[in-house]
Every structure is written in structure tokens, then in C-alpha cells.
ModelCIF file with pLDDT and N, C-alpha, C, O atoms, coordinates in Angstrom:
data_MODEL
#
_entry.id   MODEL 
#
_entity.id                         1 
_entity.type                       polymer 
_entity.pdbx_number_of_molecules   1 
#
_entity_poly.entity_id                      1 
_entity_poly.type                           'polypeptide(L)' 
_entity_poly.nstd_linkage                   no 
_entity_poly.nstd_monomer                   no 
_entity_poly.pdbx_seq_one_letter_code       
;(UNK)(UNK)(UNK)(UNK)(UNK)(UNK)(UNK)(UNK)(UNK)(UNK)(UNK)(UNK)(UNK)(UNK)(UNK)(UNK)
(UNK)(UNK)(UNK)(UNK)(UNK)(UNK)(UNK)(UNK)(UNK)(UNK)(UNK)(UNK)(UNK)(UNK)(UNK)(UNK)
(UNK)(UNK)(UNK)(UNK)(UNK)(UNK)(UNK)(UNK)(UNK)
;
_entity_poly.pdbx_seq_one_letter_code_can   XXXXXXXXXXXXXXXXXXXXXXXXXXXXXXXXXXXXXXXXX 
_entity_poly.pdbx_strand_id                 A 
#
loop_
_entity_poly_seq.entity_id 
_entity_poly_seq.num 
_entity_poly_seq.mon_id 
_entity_poly_seq.hetero 
1 1  UNK n 
1 2  UNK n 
1 3  UNK n 
1 4  UNK n 
1 5  UNK n 
1 6  UNK n 
1 7  UNK n 
1 8  UNK n 
1 9  UNK n 
1 10 UNK n 
1 11 UNK n 
1 12 UNK n 
1 13 UNK n 
1 14 UNK n 
1 15 UNK n 
1 16 UNK n 
1 17 UNK n 
1 18 UNK n 
1 19 UNK n 
1 20 UNK n 
1 21 UNK n 
1 22 UNK n 
1 23 UNK n 
1 24 UNK n 
1 25 UNK n 
1 26 UNK n 
1 27 UNK n 
1 28 UNK n 
1 29 UNK n 
1 30 UNK n 
1 31 UNK n 
1 32 UNK n 
1 33 UNK n 
1 34 UNK n 
1 35 UNK n 
1 36 UNK n 
1 37 UNK n 
1 38 UNK n 
1 39 UNK n 
1 40 UNK n 
1 41 UNK n 
#
_struct_asym.id          A 
_struct_asym.entity_id   1 
#
loop_
_ma_qa_metric.id 
_ma_qa_metric.mode 
_ma_qa_metric.name 
_ma_qa_metric.software_group_id 
_ma_qa_metric.type 
1 global pLDDT . pLDDT 
2 local  pLDDT . pLDDT 
#
_ma_qa_metric_global.metric_id      1 
_ma_qa_metric_global.metric_value   91.46 
_ma_qa_metric_global.model_id       1 
_ma_qa_metric_global.ordinal_id     1 
#
loop_
_ma_qa_metric_local.label_asym_id 
_ma_qa_metric_local.label_comp_id 
_ma_qa_metric_local.label_seq_id 
_ma_qa_metric_local.metric_id 
_ma_qa_metric_local.metric_value 
_ma_qa_metric_local.model_id 
_ma_qa_metric_local.ordinal_id 
A UNK 1  2 83.00 1 1  
A UNK 2  2 82.00 1 2  
A UNK 3  2 75.00 1 3  
A UNK 4  2 65.00 1 4  
A UNK 5  2 54.00 1 5  
A UNK 6  2 54.00 1 6  
A UNK 7  2 63.00 1 7  
A UNK 8  2 71.00 1 8  
A UNK 9  2 86.00 1 9  
A UNK 10 2 91.00 1 10 
A UNK 11 2 94.00 1 11 
A UNK 12 2 95.00 1 12 
A UNK 13 2 96.00 1 13 
A UNK 14 2 97.00 1 14 
A UNK 15 2 97.00 1 15 
A UNK 16 2 97.00 1 16 
A UNK 17 2 98.00 1 17 
A UNK 18 2 98.00 1 18 
A UNK 19 2 98.00 1 19 
A UNK 20 2 98.00 1 20 
A UNK 21 2 98.00 1 21 
A UNK 22 2 98.00 1 22 
A UNK 23 2 98.00 1 23 
A UNK 24 2 98.00 1 24 
A UNK 25 2 98.00 1 25 
A UNK 26 2 98.00 1 26 
A UNK 27 2 98.00 1 27 
A UNK 28 2 98.00 1 28 
A UNK 29 2 98.00 1 29 
A UNK 30 2 98.00 1 30 
A UNK 31 2 98.00 1 31 
A UNK 32 2 98.00 1 32 
A UNK 33 2 98.00 1 33 
A UNK 34 2 98.00 1 34 
A UNK 35 2 98.00 1 35 
A UNK 36 2 98.00 1 36 
A UNK 37 2 98.00 1 37 
A UNK 38 2 98.00 1 38 
A UNK 39 2 98.00 1 39 
A UNK 40 2 98.00 1 40 
A UNK 41 2 98.00 1 41 
#
loop_
_atom_site.group_PDB 
_atom_site.id 
_atom_site.type_symbol 
_atom_site.label_atom_id 
_atom_site.label_alt_id 
_atom_site.label_comp_id 
_atom_site.label_asym_id 
_atom_site.label_entity_id 
_atom_site.label_seq_id 
_atom_site.pdbx_PDB_ins_code 
_atom_site.Cartn_x 
_atom_site.Cartn_y 
_atom_site.Cartn_z 
_atom_site.occupancy 
_atom_site.B_iso_or_equiv 
_atom_site.pdbx_formal_charge 
_atom_site.auth_seq_id 
_atom_site.auth_comp_id 
_atom_site.auth_asym_id 
_atom_site.auth_atom_id 
_atom_site.pdbx_PDB_model_num 
ATOM 1   N N  . UNK A 1 1  ? 136.878 126.704 44.617 1.00 83.00 ? 1  UNK A N  1 
ATOM 2   C CA . UNK A 1 1  ? 137.274 126.416 43.244 1.00 83.00 ? 1  UNK A CA 1 
ATOM 3   C C  . UNK A 1 1  ? 136.276 126.972 42.237 1.00 83.00 ? 1  UNK A C  1 
ATOM 4   O O  . UNK A 1 1  ? 136.267 126.555 41.079 1.00 83.00 ? 1  UNK A O  1 
ATOM 5   N N  . UNK A 1 2  ? 135.439 127.908 42.665 1.00 82.00 ? 2  UNK A N  1 
ATOM 6   C CA . UNK A 1 2  ? 134.450 128.490 41.754 1.00 82.00 ? 2  UNK A CA 1 
ATOM 7   C C  . UNK A 1 2  ? 135.131 129.052 40.516 1.00 82.00 ? 2  UNK A C  1 
ATOM 8   O O  . UNK A 1 2  ? 136.119 129.782 40.604 1.00 82.00 ? 2  UNK A O  1 
ATOM 9   N N  . UNK A 1 3  ? 134.587 128.700 39.375 1.00 75.00 ? 3  UNK A N  1 
ATOM 10  C CA . UNK A 1 3  ? 135.158 129.165 38.126 1.00 75.00 ? 3  UNK A CA 1 
ATOM 11  C C  . UNK A 1 3  ? 136.362 128.381 37.678 1.00 75.00 ? 3  UNK A C  1 
ATOM 12  O O  . UNK A 1 3  ? 137.045 128.790 36.739 1.00 75.00 ? 3  UNK A O  1 
ATOM 13  N N  . UNK A 1 4  ? 136.652 127.237 38.335 1.00 65.00 ? 4  UNK A N  1 
ATOM 14  C CA . UNK A 1 4  ? 137.841 126.461 38.000 1.00 65.00 ? 4  UNK A CA 1 
ATOM 15  C C  . UNK A 1 4  ? 139.022 126.909 38.849 1.00 65.00 ? 4  UNK A C  1 
ATOM 16  O O  . UNK A 1 4  ? 138.902 127.826 39.662 1.00 65.00 ? 4  UNK A O  1 
ATOM 17  N N  . UNK A 1 5  ? 140.151 126.261 38.655 1.00 54.00 ? 5  UNK A N  1 
ATOM 18  C CA . UNK A 1 5  ? 141.303 126.525 39.515 1.00 54.00 ? 5  UNK A CA 1 
ATOM 19  C C  . UNK A 1 5  ? 141.844 127.941 39.363 1.00 54.00 ? 5  UNK A C  1 
ATOM 20  O O  . UNK A 1 5  ? 142.534 128.437 40.254 1.00 54.00 ? 5  UNK A O  1 
ATOM 21  N N  . UNK A 1 6  ? 141.539 128.601 38.238 1.00 54.00 ? 6  UNK A N  1 
ATOM 22  C CA . UNK A 1 6  ? 141.982 129.980 38.047 1.00 54.00 ? 6  UNK A CA 1 
ATOM 23  C C  . UNK A 1 6  ? 140.784 130.923 37.989 1.00 54.00 ? 6  UNK A C  1 
ATOM 24  O O  . UNK A 1 6  ? 140.846 131.992 37.382 1.00 54.00 ? 6  UNK A O  1 
ATOM 25  N N  . UNK A 1 7  ? 139.707 130.511 38.625 1.00 63.00 ? 7  UNK A N  1 
ATOM 26  C CA . UNK A 1 7  ? 138.487 131.295 38.582 1.00 63.00 ? 7  UNK A CA 1 
ATOM 27  C C  . UNK A 1 7  ? 138.379 132.280 39.726 1.00 63.00 ? 7  UNK A C  1 
ATOM 28  O O  . UNK A 1 7  ? 139.380 132.789 40.231 1.00 63.00 ? 7  UNK A O  1 
ATOM 29  N N  . UNK A 1 8  ? 137.150 132.536 40.123 1.00 71.00 ? 8  UNK A N  1 
ATOM 30  C CA . UNK A 1 8  ? 136.888 133.576 41.120 1.00 71.00 ? 8  UNK A CA 1 
ATOM 31  C C  . UNK A 1 8  ? 137.261 133.158 42.527 1.00 71.00 ? 8  UNK A C  1 
ATOM 32  O O  . UNK A 1 8  ? 137.518 134.009 43.379 1.00 71.00 ? 8  UNK A O  1 
ATOM 33  N N  . UNK A 1 9  ? 137.294 131.842 42.788 1.00 86.00 ? 9  UNK A N  1 
ATOM 34  C CA . UNK A 1 9  ? 137.623 131.369 44.124 1.00 86.00 ? 9  UNK A CA 1 
ATOM 35  C C  . UNK A 1 9  ? 136.463 131.552 45.087 1.00 86.00 ? 9  UNK A C  1 
ATOM 36  O O  . UNK A 1 9  ? 135.346 131.873 44.683 1.00 86.00 ? 9  UNK A O  1 
ATOM 37  N N  . UNK A 1 10 ? 136.747 131.342 46.370 1.00 91.00 ? 10 UNK A N  1 
ATOM 38  C CA . UNK A 1 10 ? 135.712 131.455 47.396 1.00 91.00 ? 10 UNK A CA 1 
ATOM 39  C C  . UNK A 1 10 ? 135.249 132.904 47.533 1.00 91.00 ? 10 UNK A C  1 
ATOM 40  O O  . UNK A 1 10 ? 136.062 133.825 47.611 1.00 91.00 ? 10 UNK A O  1 
ATOM 41  N N  . UNK A 1 11 ? 133.940 133.086 47.561 1.00 94.00 ? 11 UNK A N  1 
ATOM 42  C CA . UNK A 1 11 ? 133.341 134.393 47.799 1.00 94.00 ? 11 UNK A CA 1 
ATOM 43  C C  . UNK A 1 11 ? 132.313 134.260 48.911 1.00 94.00 ? 11 UNK A C  1 
ATOM 44  O O  . UNK A 1 11 ? 131.608 133.256 49.007 1.00 94.00 ? 11 UNK A O  1 
ATOM 45  N N  . UNK A 1 12 ? 132.237 135.284 49.749 1.00 95.00 ? 12 UNK A N  1 
ATOM 46  C CA . UNK A 1 12 ? 131.250 135.284 50.816 1.00 95.00 ? 12 UNK A CA 1 
ATOM 47  C C  . UNK A 1 12 ? 130.057 136.138 50.463 1.00 95.00 ? 12 UNK A C  1 
ATOM 48  O O  . UNK A 1 12 ? 130.189 137.157 49.784 1.00 95.00 ? 12 UNK A O  1 
ATOM 49  N N  . UNK A 1 13 ? 128.871 135.718 50.932 1.00 96.00 ? 13 UNK A N  1 
ATOM 50  C CA . UNK A 1 13 ? 127.705 136.571 50.759 1.00 96.00 ? 13 UNK A CA 1 
ATOM 51  C C  . UNK A 1 13 ? 127.976 137.923 51.408 1.00 96.00 ? 13 UNK A C  1 
ATOM 52  O O  . UNK A 1 13 ? 128.597 137.980 52.470 1.00 96.00 ? 13 UNK A O  1 
ATOM 53  N N  . UNK A 1 14 ? 127.523 139.009 50.793 1.00 97.00 ? 14 UNK A N  1 
ATOM 54  C CA . UNK A 1 14 ? 127.662 140.315 51.446 1.00 97.00 ? 14 UNK A CA 1 
ATOM 55  C C  . UNK A 1 14 ? 127.052 140.272 52.848 1.00 97.00 ? 14 UNK A C  1 
ATOM 56  O O  . UNK A 1 14 ? 125.998 139.671 53.058 1.00 97.00 ? 14 UNK A O  1 
ATOM 57  N N  . UNK A 1 15 ? 127.716 140.904 53.787 1.00 97.00 ? 15 UNK A N  1 
ATOM 58  C CA . UNK A 1 15 ? 127.237 140.867 55.177 1.00 97.00 ? 15 UNK A CA 1 
ATOM 59  C C  . UNK A 1 15 ? 125.819 141.419 55.295 1.00 97.00 ? 15 UNK A C  1 
ATOM 60  O O  . UNK A 1 15 ? 125.067 141.020 56.184 1.00 97.00 ? 15 UNK A O  1 
ATOM 61  N N  . UNK A 1 16 ? 125.459 142.325 54.408 1.00 97.00 ? 16 UNK A N  1 
ATOM 62  C CA . UNK A 1 16 ? 124.112 142.892 54.440 1.00 97.00 ? 16 UNK A CA 1 
ATOM 63  C C  . UNK A 1 16 ? 123.045 141.845 54.131 1.00 97.00 ? 16 UNK A C  1 
ATOM 64  O O  . UNK A 1 16 ? 121.877 142.033 54.469 1.00 97.00 ? 16 UNK A O  1 
ATOM 65  N N  . UNK A 1 17 ? 123.445 140.730 53.482 1.00 98.00 ? 17 UNK A N  1 
ATOM 66  C CA . UNK A 1 17 ? 122.491 139.673 53.131 1.00 98.00 ? 17 UNK A CA 1 
ATOM 67  C C  . UNK A 1 17 ? 122.456 138.540 54.147 1.00 98.00 ? 17 UNK A C  1 
ATOM 68  O O  . UNK A 1 17 ? 121.664 137.607 54.018 1.00 98.00 ? 17 UNK A O  1 
ATOM 69  N N  . UNK A 1 18 ? 123.315 138.624 55.154 1.00 98.00 ? 18 UNK A N  1 
ATOM 70  C CA . UNK A 1 18 ? 123.418 137.504 56.096 1.00 98.00 ? 18 UNK A CA 1 
ATOM 71  C C  . UNK A 1 18 ? 122.161 137.317 56.935 1.00 98.00 ? 18 UNK A C  1 
ATOM 72  O O  . UNK A 1 18 ? 121.787 136.182 57.231 1.00 98.00 ? 18 UNK A O  1 
ATOM 73  N N  . UNK A 1 19 ? 121.508 138.391 57.320 1.00 98.00 ? 19 UNK A N  1 
ATOM 74  C CA . UNK A 1 19 ? 120.294 138.255 58.129 1.00 98.00 ? 19 UNK A CA 1 
ATOM 75  C C  . UNK A 1 19 ? 119.247 137.442 57.384 1.00 98.00 ? 19 UNK A C  1 
ATOM 76  O O  . UNK A 1 19 ? 118.613 136.555 57.955 1.00 98.00 ? 19 UNK A O  1 
ATOM 77  N N  . UNK A 1 20 ? 119.072 137.754 56.093 1.00 98.00 ? 20 UNK A N  1 
ATOM 78  C CA . UNK A 1 20 ? 118.101 137.020 55.283 1.00 98.00 ? 20 UNK A CA 1 
ATOM 79  C C  . UNK A 1 20 ? 118.531 135.570 55.087 1.00 98.00 ? 20 UNK A C  1 
ATOM 80  O O  . UNK A 1 20 ? 117.698 134.664 55.115 1.00 98.00 ? 20 UNK A O  1 
ATOM 81  N N  . UNK A 1 21 ? 119.838 135.348 54.888 1.00 98.00 ? 21 UNK A N  1 
ATOM 82  C CA . UNK A 1 21 ? 120.319 133.989 54.670 1.00 98.00 ? 21 UNK A CA 1 
ATOM 83  C C  . UNK A 1 21 ? 120.138 133.138 55.924 1.00 98.00 ? 21 UNK A C  1 
ATOM 84  O O  . UNK A 1 21 ? 119.723 131.982 55.840 1.00 98.00 ? 21 UNK A O  1 
ATOM 85  N N  . UNK A 1 22 ? 120.448 133.705 57.079 1.00 98.00 ? 22 UNK A N  1 
ATOM 86  C CA . UNK A 1 22 ? 120.263 132.968 58.335 1.00 98.00 ? 22 UNK A CA 1 
ATOM 87  C C  . UNK A 1 22 ? 118.785 132.690 58.559 1.00 98.00 ? 22 UNK A C  1 
ATOM 88  O O  . UNK A 1 22 ? 118.419 131.634 59.073 1.00 98.00 ? 22 UNK A O  1 
ATOM 89  N N  . UNK A 1 23 ? 117.937 133.635 58.173 1.00 98.00 ? 23 UNK A N  1 
ATOM 90  C CA . UNK A 1 23 ? 116.496 133.420 58.282 1.00 98.00 ? 23 UNK A CA 1 
ATOM 91  C C  . UNK A 1 23 ? 116.075 132.202 57.460 1.00 98.00 ? 23 UNK A C  1 
ATOM 92  O O  . UNK A 1 23 ? 115.212 131.434 57.886 1.00 98.00 ? 23 UNK A O  1 
ATOM 93  N N  . UNK A 1 24 ? 116.674 132.025 56.293 1.00 98.00 ? 24 UNK A N  1 
ATOM 94  C CA . UNK A 1 24 ? 116.366 130.855 55.458 1.00 98.00 ? 24 UNK A CA 1 
ATOM 95  C C  . UNK A 1 24 ? 116.694 129.555 56.190 1.00 98.00 ? 24 UNK A C  1 
ATOM 96  O O  . UNK A 1 24 ? 115.947 128.580 56.098 1.00 98.00 ? 24 UNK A O  1 
ATOM 97  N N  . UNK A 1 25 ? 117.809 129.543 56.915 1.00 98.00 ? 25 UNK A N  1 
ATOM 98  C CA . UNK A 1 25 ? 118.209 128.332 57.637 1.00 98.00 ? 25 UNK A CA 1 
ATOM 99  C C  . UNK A 1 25 ? 117.263 128.068 58.798 1.00 98.00 ? 25 UNK A C  1 
ATOM 100 O O  . UNK A 1 25 ? 116.890 126.922 59.047 1.00 98.00 ? 25 UNK A O  1 
ATOM 101 N N  . UNK A 1 26 ? 116.874 129.118 59.508 1.00 98.00 ? 26 UNK A N  1 
ATOM 102 C CA . UNK A 1 26 ? 115.902 128.951 60.593 1.00 98.00 ? 26 UNK A CA 1 
ATOM 103 C C  . UNK A 1 26 ? 114.555 128.491 60.036 1.00 98.00 ? 26 UNK A C  1 
ATOM 104 O O  . UNK A 1 26 ? 113.861 127.687 60.658 1.00 98.00 ? 26 UNK A O  1 
ATOM 105 N N  . UNK A 1 27 ? 114.197 129.003 58.871 1.00 98.00 ? 27 UNK A N  1 
ATOM 106 C CA . UNK A 1 27 ? 112.945 128.567 58.236 1.00 98.00 ? 27 UNK A CA 1 
ATOM 107 C C  . UNK A 1 27 ? 113.008 127.094 57.834 1.00 98.00 ? 27 UNK A C  1 
ATOM 108 O O  . UNK A 1 27 ? 111.991 126.401 57.861 1.00 98.00 ? 27 UNK A O  1 
ATOM 109 N N  . UNK A 1 28 ? 114.194 126.612 57.461 1.00 98.00 ? 28 UNK A N  1 
ATOM 110 C CA . UNK A 1 28 ? 114.347 125.196 57.136 1.00 98.00 ? 28 UNK A CA 1 
ATOM 111 C C  . UNK A 1 28 ? 114.031 124.328 58.350 1.00 98.00 ? 28 UNK A C  1 
ATOM 112 O O  . UNK A 1 28 ? 113.351 123.308 58.236 1.00 98.00 ? 28 UNK A O  1 
ATOM 113 N N  . UNK A 1 29 ? 114.524 124.737 59.493 1.00 98.00 ? 29 UNK A N  1 
ATOM 114 C CA . UNK A 1 29 ? 114.240 123.977 60.719 1.00 98.00 ? 29 UNK A CA 1 
ATOM 115 C C  . UNK A 1 29 ? 112.745 123.999 61.020 1.00 98.00 ? 29 UNK A C  1 
ATOM 116 O O  . UNK A 1 29 ? 112.175 122.987 61.426 1.00 98.00 ? 29 UNK A O  1 
ATOM 117 N N  . UNK A 1 30 ? 112.112 125.153 60.820 1.00 98.00 ? 30 UNK A N  1 
ATOM 118 C CA . UNK A 1 30 ? 110.665 125.244 61.031 1.00 98.00 ? 30 UNK A CA 1 
ATOM 119 C C  . UNK A 1 30 ? 109.906 124.396 60.014 1.00 98.00 ? 30 UNK A C  1 
ATOM 120 O O  . UNK A 1 30 ? 108.900 123.770 60.349 1.00 98.00 ? 30 UNK A O  1 
ATOM 121 N N  . UNK A 1 31 ? 110.389 124.376 58.774 1.00 98.00 ? 31 UNK A N  1 
ATOM 122 C CA . UNK A 1 31 ? 109.749 123.554 57.743 1.00 98.00 ? 31 UNK A CA 1 
ATOM 123 C C  . UNK A 1 31 ? 109.782 122.076 58.138 1.00 98.00 ? 31 UNK A C  1 
ATOM 124 O O  . UNK A 1 31 ? 108.809 121.350 57.935 1.00 98.00 ? 31 UNK A O  1 
ATOM 125 N N  . UNK A 1 32 ? 110.898 121.644 58.698 1.00 98.00 ? 32 UNK A N  1 
ATOM 126 C CA . UNK A 1 32 ? 111.028 120.234 59.074 1.00 98.00 ? 32 UNK A CA 1 
ATOM 127 C C  . UNK A 1 32 ? 110.270 119.905 60.357 1.00 98.00 ? 32 UNK A C  1 
ATOM 128 O O  . UNK A 1 32 ? 109.647 118.847 60.452 1.00 98.00 ? 32 UNK A O  1 
ATOM 129 N N  . UNK A 1 33 ? 110.315 120.790 61.333 1.00 98.00 ? 33 UNK A N  1 
ATOM 130 C CA . UNK A 1 33 ? 109.840 120.445 62.681 1.00 98.00 ? 33 UNK A CA 1 
ATOM 131 C C  . UNK A 1 33 ? 108.680 121.278 63.191 1.00 98.00 ? 33 UNK A C  1 
ATOM 132 O O  . UNK A 1 33 ? 108.060 120.912 64.190 1.00 98.00 ? 33 UNK A O  1 
ATOM 133 N N  . UNK A 1 34 ? 108.367 122.392 62.532 1.00 98.00 ? 34 UNK A N  1 
ATOM 134 C CA . UNK A 1 34 ? 107.378 123.313 63.077 1.00 98.00 ? 34 UNK A CA 1 
ATOM 135 C C  . UNK A 1 34 ? 105.963 122.771 63.043 1.00 98.00 ? 34 UNK A C  1 
ATOM 136 O O  . UNK A 1 34 ? 105.649 121.892 62.241 1.00 98.00 ? 34 UNK A O  1 
ATOM 137 N N  . UNK A 1 35 ? 105.103 123.294 63.918 1.00 98.00 ? 35 UNK A N  1 
ATOM 138 C CA . UNK A 1 35 ? 103.687 122.882 63.911 1.00 98.00 ? 35 UNK A CA 1 
ATOM 139 C C  . UNK A 1 35 ? 102.998 123.380 62.647 1.00 98.00 ? 35 UNK A C  1 
ATOM 140 O O  . UNK A 1 35 ? 103.491 124.283 61.971 1.00 98.00 ? 35 UNK A O  1 
ATOM 141 N N  . UNK A 1 36 ? 101.863 122.785 62.341 1.00 98.00 ? 36 UNK A N  1 
ATOM 142 C CA . UNK A 1 36 ? 101.138 123.174 61.128 1.00 98.00 ? 36 UNK A CA 1 
ATOM 143 C C  . UNK A 1 36 ? 100.608 124.597 61.224 1.00 98.00 ? 36 UNK A C  1 
ATOM 144 O O  . UNK A 1 36 ? 100.198 125.178 60.219 1.00 98.00 ? 36 UNK A O  1 
ATOM 145 N N  . UNK A 1 37 ? 100.615 125.159 62.423 1.00 98.00 ? 37 UNK A N  1 
ATOM 146 C CA . UNK A 1 37 ? 100.162 126.537 62.607 1.00 98.00 ? 37 UNK A CA 1 
ATOM 147 C C  . UNK A 1 37 ? 101.256 127.550 62.283 1.00 98.00 ? 37 UNK A C  1 
ATOM 148 O O  . UNK A 1 37 ? 100.982 128.746 62.176 1.00 98.00 ? 37 UNK A O  1 
ATOM 149 N N  . UNK A 1 38 ? 102.509 127.074 62.125 1.00 98.00 ? 38 UNK A N  1 
ATOM 150 C CA . UNK A 1 38 ? 103.609 127.970 61.770 1.00 98.00 ? 38 UNK A CA 1 
ATOM 151 C C  . UNK A 1 38 ? 103.635 128.176 60.257 1.00 98.00 ? 38 UNK A C  1 
ATOM 152 O O  . UNK A 1 38 ? 103.058 127.382 59.514 1.00 98.00 ? 38 UNK A O  1 
ATOM 153 N N  . UNK A 1 39 ? 104.297 129.232 59.799 1.00 98.00 ? 39 UNK A N  1 
ATOM 154 C CA . UNK A 1 39 ? 104.333 129.550 58.369 1.00 98.00 ? 39 UNK A CA 1 
ATOM 155 C C  . UNK A 1 39 ? 104.918 128.407 57.558 1.00 98.00 ? 39 UNK A C  1 
ATOM 156 O O  . UNK A 1 39 ? 104.320 127.976 56.571 1.00 98.00 ? 39 UNK A O  1 
ATOM 157 N N  . UNK A 1 40 ? 106.084 127.909 57.963 1.00 98.00 ? 40 UNK A N  1 
ATOM 158 C CA . UNK A 1 40 ? 106.762 126.895 57.165 1.00 98.00 ? 40 UNK A CA 1 
ATOM 159 C C  . UNK A 1 40 ? 106.278 125.495 57.494 1.00 98.00 ? 40 UNK A C  1 
ATOM 160 O O  . UNK A 1 40 ? 106.341 124.605 56.646 1.00 98.00 ? 40 UNK A O  1 
ATOM 161 N N  . UNK A 1 41 ? 105.799 125.287 58.707 1.00 98.00 ? 41 UNK A N  1 
ATOM 162 C CA . UNK A 1 41 ? 105.151 124.014 59.021 1.00 98.00 ? 41 UNK A CA 1 
ATOM 163 C C  . UNK A 1 41 ? 103.874 123.835 58.211 1.00 98.00 ? 41 UNK A C  1 
ATOM 164 O O  . UNK A 1 41 ? 103.195 122.817 58.347 1.00 98.00 ? 41 UNK A O  1 
#
């Protein structure tokens, strides 16, 4: 419903950006659970 009912609708991230986006999700898990020696821990 982006932009309202007559707006742009659902849009997907460009596939070229998916590697970086998935990395963000993996970094979230490391931020929550990783050791203090890890980047996000």
C-alpha cells in the first residue's frame, strides 16, 4: 500500500542490493549473539 491505495504499491529491492541487505540481517544476528571479539558483538 506504499503511497496509498493508488500509490506505487509493493516494490522489491533491486537484486543487485540483495547481498548487502542479507548481510545486514546476518549482522543483526551477530549484534545480538556474537562474541565481543566480533565486529557487531
